[in-house]
Amino acid sequence: MVRPSLSAQPRHVHGKAVKTLRRSGVLPAVVFGHGVESNAVQLDMHEFELLRRKTGRNTLLDLTLDGGKAVPVLVHDIQEHPVSRAPLHVDLMVVRMTEELMVEVAINFTGESVAVERMGGVLLHLRESVQVRALPDHLPQSVELDISGLEDFDQVLHVSDITLPADVTLATDPTEPVARVQAPRIEEVAVPVEEPGEVAAAEAAEAAAQVEENAE
């Protein structure tokens, strides 16, 4: 299987001066990992953005540094702008293909819950991701949890209910809850409360009517 590729060049600009790189379409990055000294590099911003759109969180990449031999890497971390979400800095981790890695993967909720579809409940995601362990080329992009077992408001699905590929090991505590259905809220109908003045007026009117009736 051909892995997506990414090219990098040595970076000689550091600190606050990297702002000038970003303005020219260059993305600062660092390469680190087994048997590799931490190395400051730079990527083409446009190339990285295109790759980011086509690949998932745990996709294995072939990184070529300054035209040298490609090495397998994972995108370990991306620092983003808080508003535009544009990448500001990337950490690339060199991996060994024979050593398992522990990574965080998203939970993909599948199926339909009777408690949601027929009873009007609200599905609560108690966890959005779990940790798994696998060889670099077997890392999943996500794991699946079938919510069709949630047939009432008392049932809870746990990490142990998640479906995993045969070559992936769960690292998160299997007893941790992942999803349940919350019963719909019943809106209380407000009962009009009479003001003290209104009560007094009503009582006075009733007393007057009684007087008039007795006077007849």
N, C-alpha and C. Protein backbone atom coordinates (compact mmCIF):
# COMPACT_ATOMS: atom_id res chain seq x y z
N MET A 1 0.85 -1.20 0.00
CA MET A 1 0.00 0.00 0.00
C MET A 1 0.88 1.25 0.00
N VAL A 2 0.59 2.16 -0.92
CA VAL A 2 1.37 3.38 -1.04
C VAL A 2 0.90 4.39 0.01
N ARG A 3 1.85 4.87 0.81
CA ARG A 3 1.50 5.84 1.83
C ARG A 3 1.55 7.27 1.27
N PRO A 4 0.73 8.17 1.81
CA PRO A 4 0.81 9.58 1.39
C PRO A 4 2.21 10.11 1.71
N SER A 5 2.70 11.00 0.87
CA SER A 5 4.05 11.53 1.06
C SER A 5 4.01 13.01 1.41
N LEU A 6 5.06 13.44 2.09
CA LEU A 6 5.19 14.83 2.52
C LEU A 6 6.67 15.19 2.45
N SER A 7 6.96 16.34 1.88
CA SER A 7 8.36 16.77 1.77
C SER A 7 8.63 17.91 2.74
N ALA A 8 9.87 17.96 3.22
CA ALA A 8 10.28 18.99 4.18
C ALA A 8 11.68 19.48 3.84
N GLN A 9 11.95 20.69 4.33
CA GLN A 9 13.27 21.28 4.16
C GLN A 9 13.80 21.70 5.53
N PRO A 10 15.13 21.74 5.71
CA PRO A 10 15.70 22.21 6.98
C PRO A 10 15.22 23.64 7.27
N ARG A 11 14.99 23.92 8.54
CA ARG A 11 14.53 25.26 8.94
C ARG A 11 15.61 25.94 9.78
N HIS A 12 15.95 27.16 9.38
CA HIS A 12 16.98 27.91 10.08
C HIS A 12 16.40 29.12 10.82
N VAL A 13 15.10 29.30 10.67
CA VAL A 13 14.42 30.42 11.34
C VAL A 13 13.71 29.87 12.57
N HIS A 14 13.90 30.54 13.72
CA HIS A 14 13.33 30.04 14.97
C HIS A 14 12.66 31.19 15.74
N GLY A 15 11.97 30.80 16.82
CA GLY A 15 11.37 31.81 17.69
C GLY A 15 10.29 32.62 17.01
N LYS A 16 10.18 33.89 17.40
CA LYS A 16 9.13 34.75 16.87
C LYS A 16 9.30 35.04 15.39
N ALA A 17 10.50 34.82 14.88
CA ALA A 17 10.76 35.11 13.47
C ALA A 17 10.02 34.16 12.53
N VAL A 18 9.48 33.06 13.06
CA VAL A 18 8.76 32.12 12.18
C VAL A 18 7.50 32.74 11.61
N LYS A 19 7.05 33.86 12.19
CA LYS A 19 5.87 34.54 11.63
C LYS A 19 6.12 34.92 10.18
N THR A 20 7.36 35.29 9.86
CA THR A 20 7.68 35.67 8.49
C THR A 20 7.55 34.47 7.55
N LEU A 21 7.85 33.27 8.07
CA LEU A 21 7.70 32.06 7.26
C LEU A 21 6.23 31.83 6.91
N ARG A 22 5.38 31.93 7.90
CA ARG A 22 3.96 31.68 7.67
C ARG A 22 3.39 32.66 6.66
N ARG A 23 3.82 33.90 6.74
CA ARG A 23 3.31 34.89 5.79
C ARG A 23 3.72 34.58 4.35
N SER A 24 4.79 33.81 4.21
CA SER A 24 5.24 33.44 2.86
C SER A 24 4.79 32.04 2.47
N GLY A 25 3.84 31.46 3.23
CA GLY A 25 3.29 30.17 2.86
C GLY A 25 4.10 28.98 3.33
N VAL A 26 4.92 29.19 4.36
CA VAL A 26 5.76 28.12 4.90
C VAL A 26 5.28 27.77 6.30
N LEU A 27 5.19 26.47 6.58
CA LEU A 27 4.70 26.00 7.88
C LEU A 27 5.86 25.44 8.71
N PRO A 28 6.15 26.03 9.87
CA PRO A 28 7.21 25.51 10.74
C PRO A 28 6.82 24.15 11.31
N ALA A 29 7.81 23.26 11.46
CA ALA A 29 7.56 21.92 11.99
C ALA A 29 8.81 21.40 12.70
N VAL A 30 8.61 20.33 13.45
CA VAL A 30 9.71 19.65 14.13
C VAL A 30 9.56 18.16 13.89
N VAL A 31 10.68 17.49 13.59
CA VAL A 31 10.70 16.04 13.42
C VAL A 31 11.46 15.45 14.60
N PHE A 32 10.87 14.42 15.24
CA PHE A 32 11.51 13.75 16.37
C PHE A 32 11.10 12.29 16.37
N GLY A 33 11.74 11.49 17.22
CA GLY A 33 11.34 10.09 17.32
C GLY A 33 12.52 9.17 17.58
N HIS A 34 12.30 7.86 17.39
CA HIS A 34 13.31 6.85 17.66
C HIS A 34 14.57 7.07 16.83
N GLY A 35 15.70 7.21 17.50
CA GLY A 35 16.97 7.31 16.80
C GLY A 35 17.12 8.56 15.97
N VAL A 36 16.25 9.56 16.21
CA VAL A 36 16.30 10.80 15.43
C VAL A 36 16.38 11.98 16.39
N GLU A 37 17.38 12.81 16.21
CA GLU A 37 17.47 14.02 17.01
C GLU A 37 16.38 14.99 16.58
N SER A 38 15.86 15.74 17.54
CA SER A 38 14.84 16.73 17.21
C SER A 38 15.38 17.68 16.16
N ASN A 39 14.64 17.80 15.07
CA ASN A 39 15.13 18.52 13.91
C ASN A 39 14.09 19.54 13.46
N ALA A 40 14.48 20.82 13.40
CA ALA A 40 13.57 21.87 12.94
C ALA A 40 13.49 21.84 11.43
N VAL A 41 12.27 21.71 10.91
CA VAL A 41 12.06 21.67 9.47
C VAL A 41 10.94 22.62 9.09
N GLN A 42 10.73 22.78 7.80
CA GLN A 42 9.62 23.59 7.31
C GLN A 42 8.93 22.87 6.17
N LEU A 43 7.60 23.05 6.11
CA LEU A 43 6.76 22.40 5.11
C LEU A 43 6.09 23.45 4.25
N ASP A 44 5.66 23.04 3.08
CA ASP A 44 4.85 23.91 2.25
C ASP A 44 3.44 23.92 2.84
N MET A 45 2.96 25.12 3.22
CA MET A 45 1.66 25.24 3.88
C MET A 45 0.53 24.65 3.03
N HIS A 46 0.52 24.97 1.75
CA HIS A 46 -0.55 24.50 0.86
C HIS A 46 -0.51 22.98 0.73
N GLU A 47 0.68 22.42 0.57
CA GLU A 47 0.82 20.97 0.44
C GLU A 47 0.32 20.26 1.70
N PHE A 48 0.66 20.81 2.86
CA PHE A 48 0.23 20.19 4.11
C PHE A 48 -1.29 20.28 4.28
N GLU A 49 -1.88 21.41 3.92
CA GLU A 49 -3.33 21.57 4.05
C GLU A 49 -4.07 20.59 3.15
N LEU A 50 -3.58 20.39 1.93
CA LEU A 50 -4.21 19.42 1.03
C LEU A 50 -4.11 18.00 1.60
N LEU A 51 -2.94 17.67 2.14
CA LEU A 51 -2.74 16.35 2.73
C LEU A 51 -3.63 16.15 3.95
N ARG A 52 -3.78 17.20 4.72
CA ARG A 52 -4.60 17.15 5.94
C ARG A 52 -6.06 16.87 5.62
N ARG A 53 -6.55 17.41 4.50
CA ARG A 53 -7.95 17.21 4.11
C ARG A 53 -8.22 15.79 3.63
N LYS A 54 -7.19 15.14 3.08
CA LYS A 54 -7.36 13.82 2.49
C LYS A 54 -7.06 12.68 3.45
N THR A 55 -6.38 12.97 4.55
CA THR A 55 -5.96 11.90 5.47
C THR A 55 -6.59 12.09 6.84
N GLY A 56 -6.55 11.01 7.62
CA GLY A 56 -7.10 11.05 8.96
C GLY A 56 -6.05 11.37 10.01
N ARG A 57 -6.50 11.31 11.25
CA ARG A 57 -5.66 11.71 12.37
C ARG A 57 -4.44 10.81 12.54
N ASN A 58 -4.60 9.51 12.31
CA ASN A 58 -3.50 8.56 12.56
C ASN A 58 -2.94 7.96 11.27
N THR A 59 -3.02 8.72 10.19
CA THR A 59 -2.49 8.24 8.92
C THR A 59 -0.97 8.26 8.92
N LEU A 60 -0.38 7.18 8.47
CA LEU A 60 1.07 7.08 8.38
C LEU A 60 1.53 7.77 7.09
N LEU A 61 2.56 8.62 7.22
CA LEU A 61 3.06 9.38 6.09
C LEU A 61 4.52 9.02 5.81
N ASP A 62 4.92 9.18 4.56
CA ASP A 62 6.33 9.06 4.18
C ASP A 62 6.91 10.47 4.08
N LEU A 63 7.80 10.81 5.00
CA LEU A 63 8.41 12.14 5.03
C LEU A 63 9.78 12.10 4.35
N THR A 64 9.95 12.99 3.40
CA THR A 64 11.24 13.14 2.71
C THR A 64 11.86 14.47 3.14
N LEU A 65 13.02 14.40 3.76
CA LEU A 65 13.69 15.61 4.24
C LEU A 65 14.83 15.99 3.30
N ASP A 66 14.67 17.15 2.68
CA ASP A 66 15.71 17.71 1.81
C ASP A 66 16.13 16.73 0.72
N GLY A 67 15.14 16.01 0.17
CA GLY A 67 15.40 15.10 -0.93
C GLY A 67 16.03 13.77 -0.54
N GLY A 68 16.13 13.48 0.77
CA GLY A 68 16.74 12.25 1.23
C GLY A 68 15.78 11.07 1.20
N LYS A 69 16.14 10.00 1.92
CA LYS A 69 15.32 8.79 1.96
C LYS A 69 14.08 9.04 2.80
N ALA A 70 12.95 8.55 2.32
CA ALA A 70 11.68 8.74 3.04
C ALA A 70 11.66 7.92 4.33
N VAL A 71 11.10 8.52 5.38
CA VAL A 71 10.95 7.84 6.66
C VAL A 71 9.48 7.90 7.07
N PRO A 72 8.97 6.84 7.73
CA PRO A 72 7.56 6.86 8.16
C PRO A 72 7.35 7.75 9.38
N VAL A 73 6.36 8.62 9.31
CA VAL A 73 6.05 9.52 10.42
C VAL A 73 4.55 9.58 10.65
N LEU A 74 4.19 9.99 11.86
CA LEU A 74 2.81 10.31 12.20
C LEU A 74 2.74 11.77 12.60
N VAL A 75 1.64 12.42 12.27
CA VAL A 75 1.42 13.78 12.75
C VAL A 75 1.06 13.68 14.23
N HIS A 76 2.01 14.04 15.08
CA HIS A 76 1.83 13.88 16.52
C HIS A 76 0.97 14.99 17.10
N ASP A 77 1.16 16.20 16.59
CA ASP A 77 0.40 17.34 17.13
C ASP A 77 0.38 18.47 16.12
N ILE A 78 -0.73 19.20 16.10
CA ILE A 78 -0.86 20.39 15.24
C ILE A 78 -1.31 21.56 16.11
N GLN A 79 -0.51 22.60 16.15
CA GLN A 79 -0.93 23.82 16.83
C GLN A 79 -1.71 24.66 15.83
N GLU A 80 -2.91 25.10 16.22
CA GLU A 80 -3.78 25.82 15.30
C GLU A 80 -4.08 27.23 15.81
N HIS A 81 -4.41 28.09 14.88
CA HIS A 81 -4.86 29.44 15.23
C HIS A 81 -6.22 29.31 15.92
N PRO A 82 -6.44 29.99 17.05
CA PRO A 82 -7.70 29.81 17.80
C PRO A 82 -8.95 30.24 17.05
N VAL A 83 -8.82 31.10 16.06
CA VAL A 83 -9.99 31.58 15.34
C VAL A 83 -10.11 30.93 13.96
N SER A 84 -9.07 31.05 13.14
CA SER A 84 -9.12 30.54 11.77
C SER A 84 -8.88 29.04 11.69
N ARG A 85 -8.33 28.43 12.73
CA ARG A 85 -7.97 27.01 12.79
C ARG A 85 -6.87 26.65 11.79
N ALA A 86 -6.21 27.64 11.24
CA ALA A 86 -5.09 27.38 10.33
C ALA A 86 -3.91 26.82 11.12
N PRO A 87 -3.16 25.87 10.56
CA PRO A 87 -2.02 25.31 11.30
C PRO A 87 -0.92 26.34 11.50
N LEU A 88 -0.36 26.36 12.72
CA LEU A 88 0.74 27.27 13.04
C LEU A 88 2.06 26.53 13.19
N HIS A 89 1.98 25.27 13.63
CA HIS A 89 3.19 24.48 13.85
C HIS A 89 2.78 23.00 13.90
N VAL A 90 3.67 22.13 13.40
CA VAL A 90 3.37 20.70 13.34
C VAL A 90 4.51 19.90 13.96
N ASP A 91 4.15 18.89 14.77
CA ASP A 91 5.12 17.94 15.30
C ASP A 91 4.98 16.63 14.55
N LEU A 92 6.06 16.17 13.93
CA LEU A 92 6.06 14.93 13.17
C LEU A 92 6.91 13.90 13.90
N MET A 93 6.34 12.75 14.22
CA MET A 93 7.04 11.72 14.98
C MET A 93 7.46 10.56 14.09
N VAL A 94 8.76 10.32 14.05
CA VAL A 94 9.28 9.18 13.30
C VAL A 94 8.95 7.90 14.06
N VAL A 95 8.47 6.87 13.36
CA VAL A 95 8.06 5.63 14.02
C VAL A 95 8.84 4.45 13.47
N ARG A 96 8.88 3.40 14.27
CA ARG A 96 9.44 2.11 13.84
C ARG A 96 8.28 1.20 13.50
N MET A 97 8.31 0.63 12.32
CA MET A 97 7.19 -0.16 11.83
C MET A 97 6.96 -1.44 12.62
N THR A 98 7.96 -1.86 13.40
CA THR A 98 7.83 -3.10 14.17
C THR A 98 7.45 -2.85 15.63
N GLU A 99 7.24 -1.60 16.01
CA GLU A 99 6.89 -1.26 17.39
C GLU A 99 5.48 -0.70 17.46
N GLU A 100 4.69 -1.21 18.39
CA GLU A 100 3.31 -0.73 18.56
C GLU A 100 3.30 0.70 19.10
N LEU A 101 2.27 1.43 18.73
CA LEU A 101 2.07 2.78 19.21
C LEU A 101 0.73 2.86 19.94
N MET A 102 0.66 3.77 20.92
CA MET A 102 -0.60 4.02 21.60
C MET A 102 -1.11 5.39 21.15
N VAL A 103 -2.30 5.42 20.60
CA VAL A 103 -2.86 6.66 20.08
C VAL A 103 -4.31 6.82 20.52
N GLU A 104 -4.81 8.04 20.39
CA GLU A 104 -6.21 8.36 20.67
C GLU A 104 -7.00 8.29 19.37
N VAL A 105 -8.11 7.55 19.37
CA VAL A 105 -8.94 7.46 18.17
C VAL A 105 -10.38 7.84 18.50
N ALA A 106 -11.05 8.43 17.53
CA ALA A 106 -12.42 8.87 17.73
C ALA A 106 -13.38 7.69 17.71
N ILE A 107 -14.49 7.84 18.45
CA ILE A 107 -15.55 6.83 18.46
C ILE A 107 -16.61 7.22 17.45
N ASN A 108 -16.92 6.30 16.55
CA ASN A 108 -17.96 6.53 15.55
C ASN A 108 -19.22 5.77 15.98
N PHE A 109 -20.26 6.51 16.33
CA PHE A 109 -21.50 5.91 16.81
C PHE A 109 -22.37 5.49 15.63
N THR A 110 -22.73 4.20 15.59
CA THR A 110 -23.51 3.66 14.48
C THR A 110 -24.82 3.05 14.99
N GLY A 111 -25.73 2.77 14.06
CA GLY A 111 -26.99 2.14 14.43
C GLY A 111 -28.01 3.13 14.95
N GLU A 112 -29.17 2.60 15.34
CA GLU A 112 -30.25 3.42 15.88
C GLU A 112 -30.71 2.87 17.21
N SER A 113 -30.97 3.77 18.13
CA SER A 113 -31.42 3.39 19.46
C SER A 113 -32.94 3.52 19.57
N VAL A 114 -33.58 2.49 20.07
CA VAL A 114 -35.04 2.52 20.28
C VAL A 114 -35.41 3.64 21.25
N ALA A 115 -34.59 3.82 22.28
CA ALA A 115 -34.86 4.84 23.28
C ALA A 115 -34.81 6.25 22.70
N VAL A 116 -34.06 6.41 21.61
CA VAL A 116 -33.98 7.71 20.94
C VAL A 116 -35.07 7.85 19.89
N GLU A 117 -35.17 6.86 19.01
CA GLU A 117 -36.07 6.95 17.86
C GLU A 117 -37.55 6.86 18.24
N ARG A 118 -37.89 6.01 19.21
CA ARG A 118 -39.31 5.77 19.53
C ARG A 118 -39.75 6.37 20.85
N MET A 119 -38.78 6.62 21.74
CA MET A 119 -39.15 7.11 23.07
C MET A 119 -38.76 8.57 23.30
N GLY A 120 -38.18 9.18 22.26
CA GLY A 120 -37.88 10.61 22.34
C GLY A 120 -36.70 10.98 23.20
N GLY A 121 -35.84 10.02 23.53
CA GLY A 121 -34.69 10.31 24.37
C GLY A 121 -33.57 11.02 23.62
N VAL A 122 -32.58 11.48 24.38
CA VAL A 122 -31.43 12.19 23.80
C VAL A 122 -30.18 11.36 24.05
N LEU A 123 -29.44 11.06 22.97
CA LEU A 123 -28.22 10.27 23.10
C LEU A 123 -27.12 11.12 23.71
N LEU A 124 -26.53 10.64 24.79
CA LEU A 124 -25.44 11.33 25.48
C LEU A 124 -24.13 10.63 25.18
N HIS A 125 -23.16 11.38 24.63
CA HIS A 125 -21.82 10.85 24.38
C HIS A 125 -20.98 11.11 25.63
N LEU A 126 -20.72 10.07 26.40
CA LEU A 126 -19.95 10.21 27.63
C LEU A 126 -18.45 10.21 27.35
N ARG A 127 -18.08 9.69 26.20
CA ARG A 127 -16.69 9.73 25.70
C ARG A 127 -16.73 9.95 24.19
N GLU A 128 -15.78 10.72 23.68
CA GLU A 128 -15.69 10.93 22.24
C GLU A 128 -14.55 10.14 21.62
N SER A 129 -13.65 9.60 22.45
CA SER A 129 -12.49 8.87 21.92
C SER A 129 -11.98 7.88 22.95
N VAL A 130 -11.14 6.96 22.49
CA VAL A 130 -10.49 5.98 23.37
C VAL A 130 -9.04 5.81 22.91
N GLN A 131 -8.23 5.24 23.77
CA GLN A 131 -6.85 4.94 23.42
C GLN A 131 -6.73 3.49 22.96
N VAL A 132 -5.99 3.30 21.88
CA VAL A 132 -5.75 1.95 21.37
C VAL A 132 -4.26 1.78 21.11
N ARG A 133 -3.86 0.52 20.95
CA ARG A 133 -2.46 0.21 20.69
C ARG A 133 -2.39 -0.72 19.48
N ALA A 134 -1.48 -0.40 18.54
CA ALA A 134 -1.34 -1.21 17.33
C ALA A 134 -0.04 -0.85 16.63
N LEU A 135 0.36 -1.67 15.67
CA LEU A 135 1.51 -1.34 14.83
C LEU A 135 1.16 -0.11 13.98
N PRO A 136 2.17 0.69 13.62
CA PRO A 136 1.90 1.94 12.90
C PRO A 136 1.02 1.81 11.68
N ASP A 137 1.20 0.75 10.89
CA ASP A 137 0.40 0.61 9.67
C ASP A 137 -0.95 -0.06 9.90
N HIS A 138 -1.28 -0.33 11.17
CA HIS A 138 -2.58 -0.91 11.51
C HIS A 138 -3.42 0.02 12.38
N LEU A 139 -2.93 1.23 12.60
CA LEU A 139 -3.67 2.17 13.45
C LEU A 139 -4.99 2.57 12.78
N PRO A 140 -6.11 2.43 13.48
CA PRO A 140 -7.40 2.82 12.88
C PRO A 140 -7.61 4.32 12.94
N GLN A 141 -8.41 4.83 12.01
CA GLN A 141 -8.78 6.24 12.04
C GLN A 141 -9.87 6.49 13.09
N SER A 142 -10.70 5.47 13.32
CA SER A 142 -11.77 5.56 14.31
C SER A 142 -12.19 4.15 14.68
N VAL A 143 -12.98 4.03 15.74
CA VAL A 143 -13.55 2.75 16.15
C VAL A 143 -15.06 2.91 16.23
N GLU A 144 -15.79 1.80 16.10
CA GLU A 144 -17.25 1.88 16.02
C GLU A 144 -17.93 1.36 17.28
N LEU A 145 -19.02 2.04 17.63
CA LEU A 145 -19.87 1.60 18.74
C LEU A 145 -21.31 1.58 18.26
N ASP A 146 -21.93 0.41 18.27
CA ASP A 146 -23.32 0.24 17.84
C ASP A 146 -24.24 0.60 19.00
N ILE A 147 -25.08 1.63 18.81
CA ILE A 147 -25.95 2.10 19.89
C ILE A 147 -27.32 1.44 19.87
N SER A 148 -27.53 0.46 18.99
CA SER A 148 -28.84 -0.18 18.91
C SER A 148 -29.20 -0.95 20.18
N GLY A 149 -28.21 -1.21 21.02
CA GLY A 149 -28.48 -1.90 22.28
C GLY A 149 -29.12 -1.01 23.33
N LEU A 150 -29.17 0.30 23.08
CA LEU A 150 -29.78 1.22 24.04
C LEU A 150 -31.29 1.26 23.79
N GLU A 151 -32.00 0.37 24.49
CA GLU A 151 -33.44 0.22 24.27
C GLU A 151 -34.27 0.92 25.33
N ASP A 152 -33.65 1.38 26.39
CA ASP A 152 -34.37 2.14 27.40
C ASP A 152 -33.42 3.14 28.04
N PHE A 153 -33.91 3.86 29.05
CA PHE A 153 -33.13 4.93 29.66
C PHE A 153 -32.20 4.44 30.78
N ASP A 154 -32.25 3.15 31.08
CA ASP A 154 -31.41 2.62 32.15
C ASP A 154 -30.13 1.97 31.63
N GLN A 155 -30.10 1.67 30.34
CA GLN A 155 -28.95 0.97 29.78
C GLN A 155 -27.79 1.92 29.49
N VAL A 156 -26.57 1.40 29.65
CA VAL A 156 -25.35 2.18 29.41
C VAL A 156 -24.39 1.31 28.59
N LEU A 157 -23.79 1.90 27.58
CA LEU A 157 -22.76 1.21 26.80
C LEU A 157 -21.39 1.61 27.33
N HIS A 158 -20.48 0.65 27.39
CA HIS A 158 -19.15 0.87 27.95
C HIS A 158 -18.07 0.70 26.88
N VAL A 159 -16.86 1.04 27.24
CA VAL A 159 -15.73 0.91 26.32
C VAL A 159 -15.61 -0.52 25.81
N SER A 160 -15.94 -1.49 26.65
CA SER A 160 -15.86 -2.90 26.25
C SER A 160 -16.82 -3.25 25.13
N ASP A 161 -17.83 -2.41 24.86
CA ASP A 161 -18.80 -2.67 23.79
C ASP A 161 -18.32 -2.18 22.43
N ILE A 162 -17.18 -1.51 22.39
CA ILE A 162 -16.66 -0.96 21.14
C ILE A 162 -16.10 -2.09 20.27
N THR A 163 -16.37 -2.01 18.98
CA THR A 163 -15.85 -2.99 18.03
C THR A 163 -14.45 -2.60 17.60
N LEU A 164 -13.49 -3.54 17.75
CA LEU A 164 -12.09 -3.27 17.40
C LEU A 164 -11.62 -4.24 16.32
N PRO A 165 -10.76 -3.78 15.41
CA PRO A 165 -10.13 -4.71 14.46
C PRO A 165 -9.29 -5.73 15.21
N ALA A 166 -9.04 -6.87 14.60
CA ALA A 166 -8.34 -7.97 15.26
C ALA A 166 -6.92 -7.60 15.66
N ASP A 167 -6.29 -6.68 14.92
CA ASP A 167 -4.89 -6.34 15.20
C ASP A 167 -4.74 -5.07 16.03
N VAL A 168 -5.82 -4.66 16.70
CA VAL A 168 -5.81 -3.46 17.54
C VAL A 168 -6.20 -3.84 18.96
N THR A 169 -5.46 -3.32 19.94
CA THR A 169 -5.72 -3.61 21.35
C THR A 169 -6.23 -2.37 22.05
N LEU A 170 -7.26 -2.54 22.87
CA LEU A 170 -7.83 -1.43 23.63
C LEU A 170 -6.93 -1.10 24.82
N ALA A 171 -6.66 0.20 25.03
CA ALA A 171 -5.83 0.63 26.15
C ALA A 171 -6.64 1.35 27.22
N THR A 172 -7.81 1.87 26.87
CA THR A 172 -8.68 2.54 27.83
C THR A 172 -9.39 1.52 28.71
N ASP A 173 -9.66 1.89 29.96
CA ASP A 173 -10.37 1.02 30.89
C ASP A 173 -11.69 0.56 30.26
N PRO A 174 -11.89 -0.74 30.07
CA PRO A 174 -13.10 -1.23 29.40
C PRO A 174 -14.39 -0.99 30.17
N THR A 175 -14.28 -0.68 31.47
CA THR A 175 -15.50 -0.47 32.27
C THR A 175 -16.01 0.97 32.19
N GLU A 176 -15.27 1.86 31.53
CA GLU A 176 -15.70 3.25 31.47
C GLU A 176 -16.94 3.40 30.58
N PRO A 177 -17.94 4.18 31.03
CA PRO A 177 -19.15 4.38 30.23
C PRO A 177 -18.87 5.24 29.01
N VAL A 178 -19.57 4.94 27.91
CA VAL A 178 -19.37 5.67 26.67
C VAL A 178 -20.64 6.39 26.21
N ALA A 179 -21.79 5.74 26.36
CA ALA A 179 -23.02 6.34 25.87
C ALA A 179 -24.23 5.83 26.64
N ARG A 180 -25.22 6.70 26.76
CA ARG A 180 -26.52 6.32 27.32
C ARG A 180 -27.55 7.27 26.75
N VAL A 181 -28.83 6.97 27.01
CA VAL A 181 -29.91 7.82 26.50
C VAL A 181 -30.61 8.50 27.67
N GLN A 182 -30.72 9.80 27.57
CA GLN A 182 -31.41 10.58 28.60
C GLN A 182 -32.89 10.71 28.26
N ALA A 183 -33.73 10.49 29.25
CA ALA A 183 -35.18 10.59 29.04
C ALA A 183 -35.56 12.02 28.67
N PRO A 184 -36.59 12.19 27.85
CA PRO A 184 -37.02 13.55 27.47
C PRO A 184 -37.54 14.30 28.69
N ARG A 185 -37.30 15.57 28.69
CA ARG A 185 -37.78 16.40 29.79
C ARG A 185 -39.27 16.67 29.63
N ILE A 186 -40.01 16.57 30.73
CA ILE A 186 -41.45 16.84 30.72
C ILE A 186 -41.67 18.27 31.18
N GLU A 187 -42.23 19.07 30.28
CA GLU A 187 -42.46 20.46 30.63
C GLU A 187 -43.64 20.57 31.57
N GLU A 188 -43.43 21.26 32.67
CA GLU A 188 -44.50 21.47 33.65
C GLU A 188 -45.40 22.62 33.20
N VAL A 189 -46.70 22.39 33.30
CA VAL A 189 -47.66 23.43 32.95
C VAL A 189 -47.83 24.35 34.14
N ALA A 190 -47.54 25.60 33.93
CA ALA A 190 -47.62 26.57 35.04
C ALA A 190 -49.08 26.82 35.41
N VAL A 191 -49.37 26.76 36.70
CA VAL A 191 -50.72 27.03 37.21
C VAL A 191 -50.79 28.50 37.60
N PRO A 192 -51.73 29.24 37.02
CA PRO A 192 -51.82 30.68 37.34
C PRO A 192 -52.03 30.89 38.84
N VAL A 193 -51.27 31.80 39.39
CA VAL A 193 -51.38 32.12 40.81
C VAL A 193 -52.08 33.46 40.94
N GLU A 194 -53.17 33.46 41.71
CA GLU A 194 -53.92 34.70 41.88
C GLU A 194 -53.20 35.62 42.85
N GLU A 195 -53.17 36.88 42.50
CA GLU A 195 -52.55 37.87 43.37
C GLU A 195 -53.44 38.08 44.60
N PRO A 196 -52.84 38.44 45.73
CA PRO A 196 -53.63 38.67 46.97
C PRO A 196 -54.78 39.66 46.76
N GLY A 197 -54.54 40.71 45.97
CA GLY A 197 -55.60 41.70 45.74
C GLY A 197 -56.75 41.10 44.98
N GLU A 198 -56.43 40.23 44.03
CA GLU A 198 -57.48 39.59 43.24
C GLU A 198 -58.31 38.66 44.10
N VAL A 199 -57.65 37.94 45.04
CA VAL A 199 -58.36 37.05 45.95
C VAL A 199 -59.31 37.83 46.85
N ALA A 200 -58.79 38.95 47.36
CA ALA A 200 -59.61 39.77 48.26
C ALA A 200 -60.81 40.34 47.52
N ALA A 201 -60.61 40.77 46.30
CA ALA A 201 -61.71 41.33 45.52
C ALA A 201 -62.78 40.29 45.24
N ALA A 202 -62.30 39.07 44.92
CA ALA A 202 -63.25 37.99 44.64
C ALA A 202 -64.05 37.65 45.88
N GLU A 203 -63.36 37.61 47.04
CA GLU A 203 -64.07 37.30 48.29
C GLU A 203 -65.07 38.40 48.63
N ALA A 204 -64.69 39.65 48.39
CA ALA A 204 -65.60 40.77 48.68
C ALA A 204 -66.83 40.71 47.79
N ALA A 205 -66.62 40.37 46.51
CA ALA A 205 -67.75 40.28 45.59
C ALA A 205 -68.68 39.16 45.99
N GLU A 206 -68.09 38.05 46.43
CA GLU A 206 -68.92 36.92 46.86
C GLU A 206 -69.71 37.27 48.11
N ALA A 207 -69.09 37.98 49.05
CA ALA A 207 -69.77 38.39 50.28
C ALA A 207 -70.91 39.37 49.98
N ALA A 208 -70.68 40.28 49.04
CA ALA A 208 -71.71 41.25 48.67
C ALA A 208 -72.90 40.55 48.04
N ALA A 209 -72.58 39.55 47.21
CA ALA A 209 -73.67 38.82 46.56
C ALA A 209 -74.49 38.07 47.59
N GLN A 210 -73.80 37.55 48.61
CA GLN A 210 -74.51 36.83 49.68
C GLN A 210 -75.41 37.76 50.48
N VAL A 211 -74.90 38.97 50.72
CA VAL A 211 -75.70 39.96 51.44
C VAL A 211 -76.94 40.32 50.66
N GLU A 212 -76.75 40.54 49.36
CA GLU A 212 -77.86 40.92 48.50
C GLU A 212 -78.91 39.77 48.46
N GLU A 213 -78.39 38.53 48.45
CA GLU A 213 -79.29 37.38 48.39
C GLU A 213 -80.09 37.26 49.68
N ASN A 214 -79.41 37.56 50.79
CA ASN A 214 -80.11 37.47 52.07
C ASN A 214 -81.12 38.60 52.25
N ALA A 215 -80.82 39.74 51.56
CA ALA A 215 -81.70 40.90 51.68
C ALA A 215 -82.94 40.75 50.85
N GLU A 216 -82.90 39.86 49.88
CA GLU A 216 -84.07 39.72 49.01
C GLU A 216 -85.22 39.03 49.72
